[in-house]
N, C-alpha and C. Protein backbone atom coordinates (compact mmCIF):
# COMPACT_ATOMS: atom_id res chain seq x y z
N MET A 1 160.29 77.03 157.80
CA MET A 1 159.30 78.01 157.41
C MET A 1 159.90 79.41 157.39
N LYS A 2 160.72 79.69 158.43
CA LYS A 2 161.37 80.99 158.51
C LYS A 2 162.30 81.22 157.31
N LYS A 3 162.98 80.17 156.93
CA LYS A 3 163.90 80.26 155.80
C LYS A 3 163.13 80.53 154.50
N LEU A 4 161.98 79.89 154.33
CA LEU A 4 161.15 80.08 153.15
C LEU A 4 160.63 81.52 153.08
N LEU A 5 160.17 82.07 154.20
CA LEU A 5 159.70 83.45 154.26
C LEU A 5 160.83 84.44 153.98
N SER A 6 162.02 84.14 154.48
CA SER A 6 163.15 85.05 154.25
C SER A 6 163.55 85.08 152.77
N ILE A 7 163.21 84.06 152.02
CA ILE A 7 163.49 84.04 150.59
C ILE A 7 162.32 84.63 149.80
N LEU A 8 161.09 84.27 150.16
CA LEU A 8 159.92 84.73 149.43
C LEU A 8 159.66 86.23 149.59
N PHE A 9 159.85 86.77 150.76
CA PHE A 9 159.57 88.20 150.99
C PHE A 9 160.46 89.09 150.11
N PRO A 10 161.77 88.93 150.12
CA PRO A 10 162.59 89.77 149.23
C PRO A 10 162.30 89.52 147.75
N LEU A 11 162.00 88.28 147.41
CA LEU A 11 161.68 87.95 146.03
C LEU A 11 160.39 88.65 145.59
N SER A 12 159.39 88.66 146.46
CA SER A 12 158.13 89.33 146.11
C SER A 12 158.34 90.84 145.99
N LEU A 13 159.13 91.42 146.86
CA LEU A 13 159.44 92.86 146.74
C LEU A 13 160.16 93.15 145.43
N PHE A 14 161.11 92.31 145.09
CA PHE A 14 161.83 92.47 143.85
C PHE A 14 160.88 92.44 142.65
N LEU A 15 159.98 91.49 142.63
CA LEU A 15 159.04 91.37 141.53
C LEU A 15 158.07 92.55 141.45
N ILE A 16 157.63 93.03 142.58
CA ILE A 16 156.69 94.17 142.61
C ILE A 16 157.37 95.42 142.06
N PHE A 17 158.56 95.72 142.55
CA PHE A 17 159.20 96.98 142.17
C PHE A 17 159.85 96.95 140.79
N THR A 18 160.19 95.79 140.28
CA THR A 18 160.74 95.74 138.94
C THR A 18 159.64 95.75 137.89
N ALA A 19 158.43 95.48 138.29
CA ALA A 19 157.30 95.51 137.35
C ALA A 19 156.80 96.93 137.13
N CYS A 20 157.18 97.84 138.00
CA CYS A 20 156.73 99.23 137.86
C CYS A 20 157.66 99.96 136.92
N GLU A 21 157.07 100.74 136.05
CA GLU A 21 157.83 101.53 135.11
C GLU A 21 157.64 102.99 135.46
N LYS A 22 158.65 103.79 135.29
CA LYS A 22 158.53 105.22 135.53
C LYS A 22 157.65 105.82 134.43
N ALA A 23 156.61 106.51 134.85
CA ALA A 23 155.71 107.15 133.88
C ALA A 23 156.31 108.48 133.45
N GLU A 24 156.28 108.74 132.16
CA GLU A 24 156.73 110.01 131.64
C GLU A 24 155.51 110.84 131.28
N TYR A 25 155.50 112.06 131.74
CA TYR A 25 154.34 112.92 131.56
C TYR A 25 154.83 114.24 131.01
N TYR A 26 154.37 114.59 129.84
CA TYR A 26 154.82 115.80 129.18
C TYR A 26 153.75 116.87 129.27
N GLU A 27 154.19 118.12 129.30
CA GLU A 27 153.26 119.25 129.38
C GLU A 27 152.28 119.24 128.20
N GLU A 28 152.76 118.88 127.02
CA GLU A 28 151.90 118.84 125.84
C GLU A 28 150.76 117.84 126.05
N ASP A 29 151.08 116.67 126.65
CA ASP A 29 150.05 115.68 126.94
C ASP A 29 149.05 116.22 127.94
N ALA A 30 149.53 116.94 128.93
CA ALA A 30 148.63 117.51 129.93
C ALA A 30 147.67 118.50 129.30
N GLN A 31 148.17 119.31 128.38
CA GLN A 31 147.31 120.30 127.73
C GLN A 31 146.32 119.62 126.81
N LYS A 32 146.72 118.54 126.12
CA LYS A 32 145.79 117.80 125.28
C LYS A 32 144.67 117.22 126.13
N GLU A 33 145.06 116.65 127.30
CA GLU A 33 144.05 116.09 128.20
C GLU A 33 143.12 117.18 128.71
N GLN A 34 143.65 118.36 128.99
CA GLN A 34 142.83 119.47 129.47
C GLN A 34 141.79 119.84 128.42
N HIS A 35 142.19 119.91 127.15
CA HIS A 35 141.26 120.21 126.07
C HIS A 35 140.17 119.14 125.99
N GLU A 36 140.59 117.87 126.08
CA GLU A 36 139.63 116.78 125.96
C GLU A 36 138.67 116.75 127.13
N GLU A 37 139.19 116.95 128.37
CA GLU A 37 138.34 116.91 129.55
C GLU A 37 137.35 118.05 129.60
N SER A 38 137.75 119.22 129.10
CA SER A 38 136.85 120.37 129.16
C SER A 38 135.91 120.44 127.97
N GLY A 39 136.00 119.44 127.10
CA GLY A 39 135.10 119.43 125.94
C GLY A 39 135.52 120.40 124.86
N ASP A 40 136.78 120.80 124.87
CA ASP A 40 137.25 121.77 123.89
C ASP A 40 137.54 121.14 122.53
N SER A 41 137.70 119.84 122.50
CA SER A 41 138.05 119.24 121.22
C SER A 41 136.86 119.34 120.28
N GLN A 42 137.15 119.67 119.06
CA GLN A 42 136.11 119.78 118.06
C GLN A 42 136.27 118.60 117.12
N GLU A 43 135.18 118.10 116.63
CA GLU A 43 135.25 116.97 115.75
C GLU A 43 135.01 117.36 114.31
N ASP A 44 135.04 118.64 114.03
CA ASP A 44 134.88 119.11 112.66
C ASP A 44 136.11 118.72 111.85
N ASP A 45 135.91 118.52 110.56
CA ASP A 45 137.03 118.18 109.69
C ASP A 45 138.04 119.31 109.59
N ASP A 46 137.61 120.55 109.87
CA ASP A 46 138.51 121.69 109.72
C ASP A 46 139.28 121.99 111.01
N TYR A 47 139.20 121.14 112.00
CA TYR A 47 139.94 121.33 113.25
C TYR A 47 141.12 120.39 113.23
N ASP A 48 142.33 120.93 113.18
CA ASP A 48 143.53 120.13 113.04
C ASP A 48 144.42 120.27 114.25
N VAL A 49 145.24 119.27 114.46
CA VAL A 49 146.30 119.37 115.46
C VAL A 49 147.52 119.86 114.71
N GLY A 50 147.92 121.08 114.98
CA GLY A 50 149.04 121.65 114.26
C GLY A 50 150.32 121.52 115.06
N ASP A 51 151.42 121.70 114.38
CA ASP A 51 152.72 121.70 115.02
C ASP A 51 153.19 123.15 115.08
N PHE A 52 152.93 123.79 116.21
CA PHE A 52 153.23 125.20 116.38
C PHE A 52 154.28 125.35 117.46
N PRO A 53 155.52 125.70 117.09
CA PRO A 53 156.54 125.93 118.12
C PRO A 53 156.14 127.12 119.00
N THR A 54 156.56 127.07 120.25
CA THR A 54 156.29 128.18 121.17
C THR A 54 156.77 129.48 120.54
N GLY A 55 155.92 130.49 120.60
CA GLY A 55 156.27 131.79 120.05
C GLY A 55 155.84 132.00 118.62
N SER A 56 155.21 131.00 118.01
CA SER A 56 154.72 131.16 116.64
C SER A 56 153.69 132.29 116.60
N VAL A 57 153.57 132.91 115.44
CA VAL A 57 152.56 133.94 115.23
C VAL A 57 151.48 133.35 114.32
N VAL A 58 150.23 133.38 114.80
CA VAL A 58 149.12 132.83 114.02
C VAL A 58 148.01 133.86 113.93
N ASP A 59 147.19 133.73 112.89
CA ASP A 59 146.03 134.61 112.80
C ASP A 59 144.88 133.98 113.60
N VAL A 60 143.80 134.72 113.75
CA VAL A 60 142.68 134.28 114.58
C VAL A 60 142.06 132.99 114.04
N MET A 61 141.85 132.88 112.73
CA MET A 61 141.22 131.68 112.18
C MET A 61 142.10 130.45 112.38
N THR A 62 143.41 130.58 112.23
CA THR A 62 144.32 129.47 112.50
C THR A 62 144.22 129.06 113.96
N PHE A 63 144.15 130.04 114.84
CA PHE A 63 144.02 129.79 116.27
C PHE A 63 142.72 129.05 116.59
N LYS A 64 141.64 129.42 115.90
CA LYS A 64 140.33 128.80 116.15
C LYS A 64 140.22 127.38 115.58
N THR A 65 140.93 127.08 114.51
CA THR A 65 140.71 125.81 113.81
C THR A 65 141.83 124.79 114.01
N ASN A 66 142.76 125.06 114.89
CA ASN A 66 143.85 124.12 115.16
C ASN A 66 143.98 123.92 116.67
N ALA A 67 144.32 122.71 117.04
CA ALA A 67 144.65 122.44 118.44
C ALA A 67 146.09 122.87 118.63
N ILE A 68 146.30 123.88 119.46
CA ILE A 68 147.62 124.44 119.67
C ILE A 68 147.99 124.24 121.13
N TYR A 69 149.05 123.49 121.39
CA TYR A 69 149.41 123.12 122.75
C TYR A 69 150.61 123.88 123.30
N THR A 70 151.03 124.93 122.61
CA THR A 70 152.13 125.77 123.07
C THR A 70 151.65 127.21 123.11
N GLN A 71 152.42 128.05 123.77
CA GLN A 71 152.09 129.47 123.77
C GLN A 71 152.39 130.05 122.39
N VAL A 72 151.44 130.81 121.87
CA VAL A 72 151.62 131.44 120.56
C VAL A 72 151.18 132.90 120.63
N TRP A 73 151.61 133.65 119.64
CA TRP A 73 151.12 135.00 119.42
C TRP A 73 149.93 134.90 118.48
N VAL A 74 148.80 135.46 118.88
CA VAL A 74 147.63 135.53 118.02
C VAL A 74 147.49 136.99 117.60
N GLU A 75 147.46 137.21 116.30
CA GLU A 75 147.40 138.58 115.79
C GLU A 75 146.07 138.79 115.07
N GLY A 76 145.42 139.90 115.39
CA GLY A 76 144.14 140.23 114.78
C GLY A 76 143.69 141.62 115.20
N TYR A 77 142.43 141.92 114.96
CA TYR A 77 141.86 143.22 115.29
C TYR A 77 140.96 143.10 116.53
N ILE A 78 140.97 144.13 117.35
CA ILE A 78 140.02 144.19 118.46
C ILE A 78 138.67 144.57 117.86
N VAL A 79 137.69 143.69 118.02
CA VAL A 79 136.39 143.91 117.37
C VAL A 79 135.23 144.02 118.35
N GLY A 80 135.47 143.77 119.62
CA GLY A 80 134.36 143.85 120.56
C GLY A 80 134.78 143.56 121.98
N ALA A 81 133.76 143.49 122.84
CA ALA A 81 133.95 143.24 124.26
C ALA A 81 133.03 142.10 124.68
N ALA A 82 133.34 141.50 125.82
CA ALA A 82 132.52 140.38 126.30
C ALA A 82 132.60 140.29 127.81
N THR A 83 131.66 139.54 128.37
CA THR A 83 131.65 139.27 129.80
C THR A 83 130.99 137.93 130.07
N GLY A 84 131.30 137.38 131.21
CA GLY A 84 130.66 136.16 131.67
C GLY A 84 130.09 136.37 133.06
N ALA A 85 129.85 137.62 133.43
CA ALA A 85 129.35 137.95 134.76
C ALA A 85 128.00 137.29 135.02
N LYS A 86 127.83 136.87 136.25
CA LYS A 86 126.59 136.24 136.71
C LYS A 86 126.24 135.01 135.88
N ASN A 87 127.28 134.30 135.43
CA ASN A 87 127.13 133.06 134.65
C ASN A 87 126.31 133.25 133.38
N LYS A 88 126.33 134.44 132.84
CA LYS A 88 125.65 134.71 131.58
C LYS A 88 126.66 135.35 130.63
N VAL A 89 126.94 134.68 129.53
CA VAL A 89 127.92 135.17 128.56
C VAL A 89 127.24 136.16 127.62
N ARG A 90 127.87 137.32 127.47
CA ARG A 90 127.34 138.34 126.57
C ARG A 90 128.49 138.93 125.75
N TYR A 91 128.19 139.24 124.49
CA TYR A 91 129.18 139.79 123.57
C TYR A 91 128.66 141.12 123.02
N GLU A 92 129.58 142.06 122.81
CA GLU A 92 129.24 143.35 122.19
C GLU A 92 130.21 143.60 121.04
N PHE A 93 129.65 143.96 119.88
CA PHE A 93 130.49 144.27 118.73
C PHE A 93 130.39 145.74 118.33
N GLU A 94 129.49 146.48 118.94
CA GLU A 94 129.29 147.89 118.61
C GLU A 94 129.35 148.74 119.87
N PRO A 95 129.85 149.99 119.76
CA PRO A 95 129.83 150.90 120.90
C PRO A 95 128.39 151.26 121.24
N ASP A 96 128.14 151.71 122.34
CA ASP A 96 128.87 152.00 123.55
C ASP A 96 129.12 150.69 124.28
N PHE A 97 130.38 150.45 124.62
CA PHE A 97 130.76 149.20 125.25
C PHE A 97 130.53 149.29 126.76
N SER A 98 130.05 148.21 127.33
CA SER A 98 129.78 148.21 128.77
C SER A 98 130.53 147.10 129.51
N TYR A 99 131.31 146.28 128.81
CA TYR A 99 132.03 145.18 129.45
C TYR A 99 133.53 145.43 129.36
N ASP A 100 134.19 145.41 130.52
CA ASP A 100 135.63 145.64 130.53
C ASP A 100 136.42 144.40 130.93
N THR A 101 135.76 143.23 130.96
CA THR A 101 136.42 142.02 131.43
C THR A 101 137.06 141.19 130.31
N ALA A 102 136.71 141.45 129.06
CA ALA A 102 137.31 140.70 127.96
C ALA A 102 137.17 141.49 126.66
N ILE A 103 138.10 141.23 125.75
CA ILE A 103 137.99 141.78 124.40
C ILE A 103 137.80 140.62 123.43
N LEU A 104 137.27 140.93 122.27
CA LEU A 104 137.11 139.97 121.20
C LEU A 104 138.06 140.35 120.08
N MET A 105 138.71 139.34 119.48
CA MET A 105 139.65 139.56 118.39
C MET A 105 139.19 138.80 117.16
N SER A 106 139.48 139.36 115.97
CA SER A 106 139.13 138.70 114.72
C SER A 106 140.12 139.11 113.64
N ASP A 107 140.17 138.30 112.57
CA ASP A 107 140.95 138.66 111.39
C ASP A 107 140.24 139.75 110.59
N ASN A 108 138.93 139.80 110.73
CA ASN A 108 138.08 140.75 110.01
C ASN A 108 137.78 141.94 110.91
N VAL A 109 138.23 143.11 110.54
CA VAL A 109 138.03 144.30 111.37
C VAL A 109 136.54 144.62 111.56
N ASN A 110 135.69 144.13 110.66
CA ASN A 110 134.25 144.38 110.74
C ASN A 110 133.46 143.18 111.26
N ALA A 111 134.12 142.25 111.94
CA ALA A 111 133.45 141.05 112.45
C ALA A 111 132.29 141.44 113.35
N SER A 112 131.21 140.66 113.25
CA SER A 112 130.03 140.95 114.06
C SER A 112 129.43 139.71 114.70
N SER A 113 130.21 138.62 114.74
CA SER A 113 129.73 137.41 115.41
C SER A 113 130.91 136.64 115.98
N THR A 114 130.60 135.76 116.92
CA THR A 114 131.66 134.96 117.55
C THR A 114 132.18 133.86 116.62
N ASP A 115 131.52 133.64 115.49
CA ASP A 115 132.03 132.66 114.52
C ASP A 115 133.39 133.10 113.97
N GLU A 116 133.63 134.39 113.98
CA GLU A 116 134.89 134.94 113.44
C GLU A 116 135.84 135.40 114.53
N ALA A 117 135.45 135.28 115.81
CA ALA A 117 136.21 135.91 116.88
C ALA A 117 136.71 134.92 117.92
N ILE A 118 137.71 135.37 118.67
CA ILE A 118 138.17 134.68 119.87
C ILE A 118 138.04 135.66 121.03
N SER A 119 137.99 135.13 122.24
CA SER A 119 137.89 135.97 123.42
C SER A 119 139.25 136.05 124.12
N VAL A 120 139.53 137.19 124.70
CA VAL A 120 140.77 137.39 125.44
C VAL A 120 140.41 137.96 126.81
N CYS A 121 140.72 137.20 127.85
CA CYS A 121 140.38 137.57 129.22
C CYS A 121 141.25 138.73 129.70
N LEU A 122 140.60 139.71 130.31
CA LEU A 122 141.34 140.83 130.89
C LEU A 122 141.29 140.80 132.42
N THR A 123 140.60 139.83 133.00
CA THR A 123 140.48 139.78 134.46
C THR A 123 141.62 139.04 135.12
N SER A 124 142.29 138.15 134.42
CA SER A 124 143.37 137.38 135.02
C SER A 124 144.74 138.01 134.78
N CYS A 125 144.76 139.22 134.23
CA CYS A 125 146.03 139.91 134.00
C CYS A 125 146.11 141.10 134.95
N SER A 126 147.12 141.91 134.77
CA SER A 126 147.30 143.04 135.67
C SER A 126 146.21 144.08 135.47
N LYS A 127 145.95 144.83 136.52
CA LYS A 127 144.95 145.89 136.47
C LYS A 127 145.33 146.94 135.42
N LYS A 128 146.63 147.22 135.32
CA LYS A 128 147.11 148.20 134.35
C LYS A 128 146.83 147.74 132.92
N LEU A 129 147.11 146.47 132.64
CA LEU A 129 146.87 145.93 131.31
C LEU A 129 145.37 145.97 130.98
N ARG A 130 144.55 145.61 131.96
CA ARG A 130 143.09 145.63 131.77
C ARG A 130 142.63 147.05 131.44
N GLU A 131 143.16 148.02 132.15
CA GLU A 131 142.79 149.42 131.91
C GLU A 131 143.22 149.89 130.52
N GLN A 132 144.34 149.37 130.02
CA GLN A 132 144.86 149.79 128.73
C GLN A 132 144.11 149.17 127.55
N LEU A 133 143.57 147.96 127.72
CA LEU A 133 143.00 147.24 126.59
C LEU A 133 141.48 147.25 126.51
N ASN A 134 140.78 147.41 127.62
CA ASN A 134 139.32 147.28 127.57
C ASN A 134 138.67 148.40 126.76
N LEU A 135 137.53 148.09 126.17
CA LEU A 135 136.85 149.04 125.28
C LEU A 135 135.93 150.01 126.02
N VAL A 136 135.68 149.78 127.29
CA VAL A 136 134.88 150.73 128.08
C VAL A 136 135.71 152.00 128.27
N ASP A 137 136.95 151.81 128.73
CA ASP A 137 137.84 152.96 128.97
C ASP A 137 138.51 153.47 127.70
N HIS A 138 138.67 152.60 126.71
CA HIS A 138 139.37 152.97 125.47
C HIS A 138 138.61 152.49 124.24
N PRO A 139 137.47 153.11 123.93
CA PRO A 139 136.71 152.69 122.75
C PRO A 139 137.50 152.90 121.46
N GLU A 140 138.53 153.73 121.49
CA GLU A 140 139.38 153.94 120.31
C GLU A 140 140.21 152.69 119.98
N ASN A 141 140.29 151.71 120.89
CA ASN A 141 141.00 150.47 120.61
C ASN A 141 140.24 149.59 119.61
N LYS A 142 138.94 149.80 119.46
CA LYS A 142 138.17 149.01 118.50
C LYS A 142 138.74 149.24 117.10
N GLY A 143 139.05 148.15 116.42
CA GLY A 143 139.62 148.23 115.08
C GLY A 143 141.14 148.27 115.06
N LYS A 144 141.77 148.38 116.24
CA LYS A 144 143.23 148.37 116.30
C LYS A 144 143.75 146.95 116.14
N ARG A 145 144.87 146.83 115.46
CA ARG A 145 145.54 145.54 115.32
C ARG A 145 146.30 145.27 116.61
N ILE A 146 146.21 144.03 117.10
CA ILE A 146 146.87 143.66 118.35
C ILE A 146 147.42 142.23 118.22
N ALA A 147 148.50 141.97 118.92
CA ALA A 147 149.05 140.62 119.04
C ALA A 147 149.06 140.27 120.52
N VAL A 148 148.52 139.09 120.85
CA VAL A 148 148.41 138.65 122.24
C VAL A 148 149.11 137.30 122.36
N PHE A 149 149.90 137.13 123.43
CA PHE A 149 150.68 135.91 123.65
C PHE A 149 150.08 135.11 124.79
N GLY A 150 149.78 133.83 124.54
CA GLY A 150 149.24 132.97 125.59
C GLY A 150 148.89 131.60 125.06
N PHE A 151 148.21 130.82 125.91
CA PHE A 151 147.78 129.47 125.56
C PHE A 151 146.34 129.48 125.05
N GLN A 152 146.03 128.58 124.16
CA GLN A 152 144.67 128.41 123.63
C GLN A 152 143.82 127.70 124.69
N GLU A 153 142.70 128.32 125.03
CA GLU A 153 141.76 127.73 125.98
C GLU A 153 140.36 128.16 125.58
N LYS A 154 139.37 127.50 126.16
CA LYS A 154 138.00 127.97 126.00
C LYS A 154 137.79 129.07 127.01
N TYR A 155 137.21 130.17 126.58
CA TYR A 155 136.89 131.27 127.47
C TYR A 155 135.63 131.94 126.94
N LEU A 156 134.63 132.07 127.76
CA LEU A 156 133.34 132.64 127.39
C LEU A 156 132.69 131.85 126.25
N LYS A 157 132.82 130.54 126.33
CA LYS A 157 132.19 129.58 125.43
C LYS A 157 132.77 129.56 124.01
N ILE A 158 133.87 130.25 123.78
CA ILE A 158 134.56 130.20 122.49
C ILE A 158 136.06 130.07 122.76
N PHE A 159 136.83 129.73 121.73
CA PHE A 159 138.27 129.66 121.92
C PHE A 159 138.81 131.05 122.23
N GLY A 160 139.86 131.06 123.03
CA GLY A 160 140.46 132.33 123.38
C GLY A 160 141.70 132.14 124.21
N ILE A 161 142.08 133.21 124.90
CA ILE A 161 143.24 133.20 125.78
C ILE A 161 142.77 133.70 127.14
N LYS A 162 142.95 132.87 128.17
CA LYS A 162 142.52 133.24 129.52
C LYS A 162 143.55 134.08 130.24
N LYS A 163 144.82 133.87 129.96
CA LYS A 163 145.86 134.62 130.65
C LYS A 163 146.83 135.18 129.62
N ILE A 164 146.84 136.49 129.49
CA ILE A 164 147.76 137.17 128.57
C ILE A 164 149.14 137.21 129.22
N ASP A 165 150.13 136.66 128.54
CA ASP A 165 151.49 136.74 129.05
C ASP A 165 152.24 137.93 128.44
N ALA A 166 151.77 138.42 127.30
CA ALA A 166 152.35 139.60 126.67
C ALA A 166 151.39 140.08 125.59
N TYR A 167 151.53 141.34 125.22
CA TYR A 167 150.75 141.87 124.10
C TYR A 167 151.51 143.02 123.47
N GLU A 168 151.15 143.33 122.24
CA GLU A 168 151.73 144.49 121.58
C GLU A 168 150.78 144.94 120.47
N PHE A 169 150.89 146.19 120.13
CA PHE A 169 150.14 146.74 118.99
C PHE A 169 151.12 146.81 117.82
N PRO A 170 151.09 145.80 116.91
CA PRO A 170 152.02 145.83 115.78
C PRO A 170 151.68 146.96 114.81
N LEU A 171 152.67 147.36 114.04
CA LEU A 171 152.46 148.44 113.06
C LEU A 171 151.70 147.95 111.86
C-alpha cells in the first residue's frame, strides 16, 4: 500500500501542475474589461473599436465614437464646465461659470450639449493644472483650442478623460 501511495501521490501532483497553463493578461484586455464592466460599451453602429497607437491625436468625435484602449491626445475646444458634486451631474455651456471641477471639450466651438462634448476631470490632476484650466478662474479659456493626453473613460455620465497626463494649447 505504501508503495502504491508513493507512486500515486507524485503522479497526481504531476498531472495537476501540468494541466495548469500560465494565463497571459494584457493591459489592453484589462481596459476592454473595464469598459464592459462599467457599462461604457455602446452598441450603436457608429461605435467602433479602433486601432490607435499610444500618443495618437484624435478629435473629440473620434474619441466619442471609438473604443480607444491606449493613451491618446484629444484635441478640441473648451466649450463649458461640469461637476458631479453631491451625486448630481450638471453641465454649463455659457458664462458665468460656477464649476471648477471639470471642463467640456468639443470639435464645435459653439457646442451647447453633451452630444457633442466630452468631459475632462480637473480634480484628479495637480492643483496648479486645475487652476490654469477651469473656467471659473479663467473664463477666457472658453473657445480656446486644447489638446489633452489620457485614457478614454466615462466621467460625468459621458465619455471623457478622468486623469490628465499632459495638456497643451496648440496654435
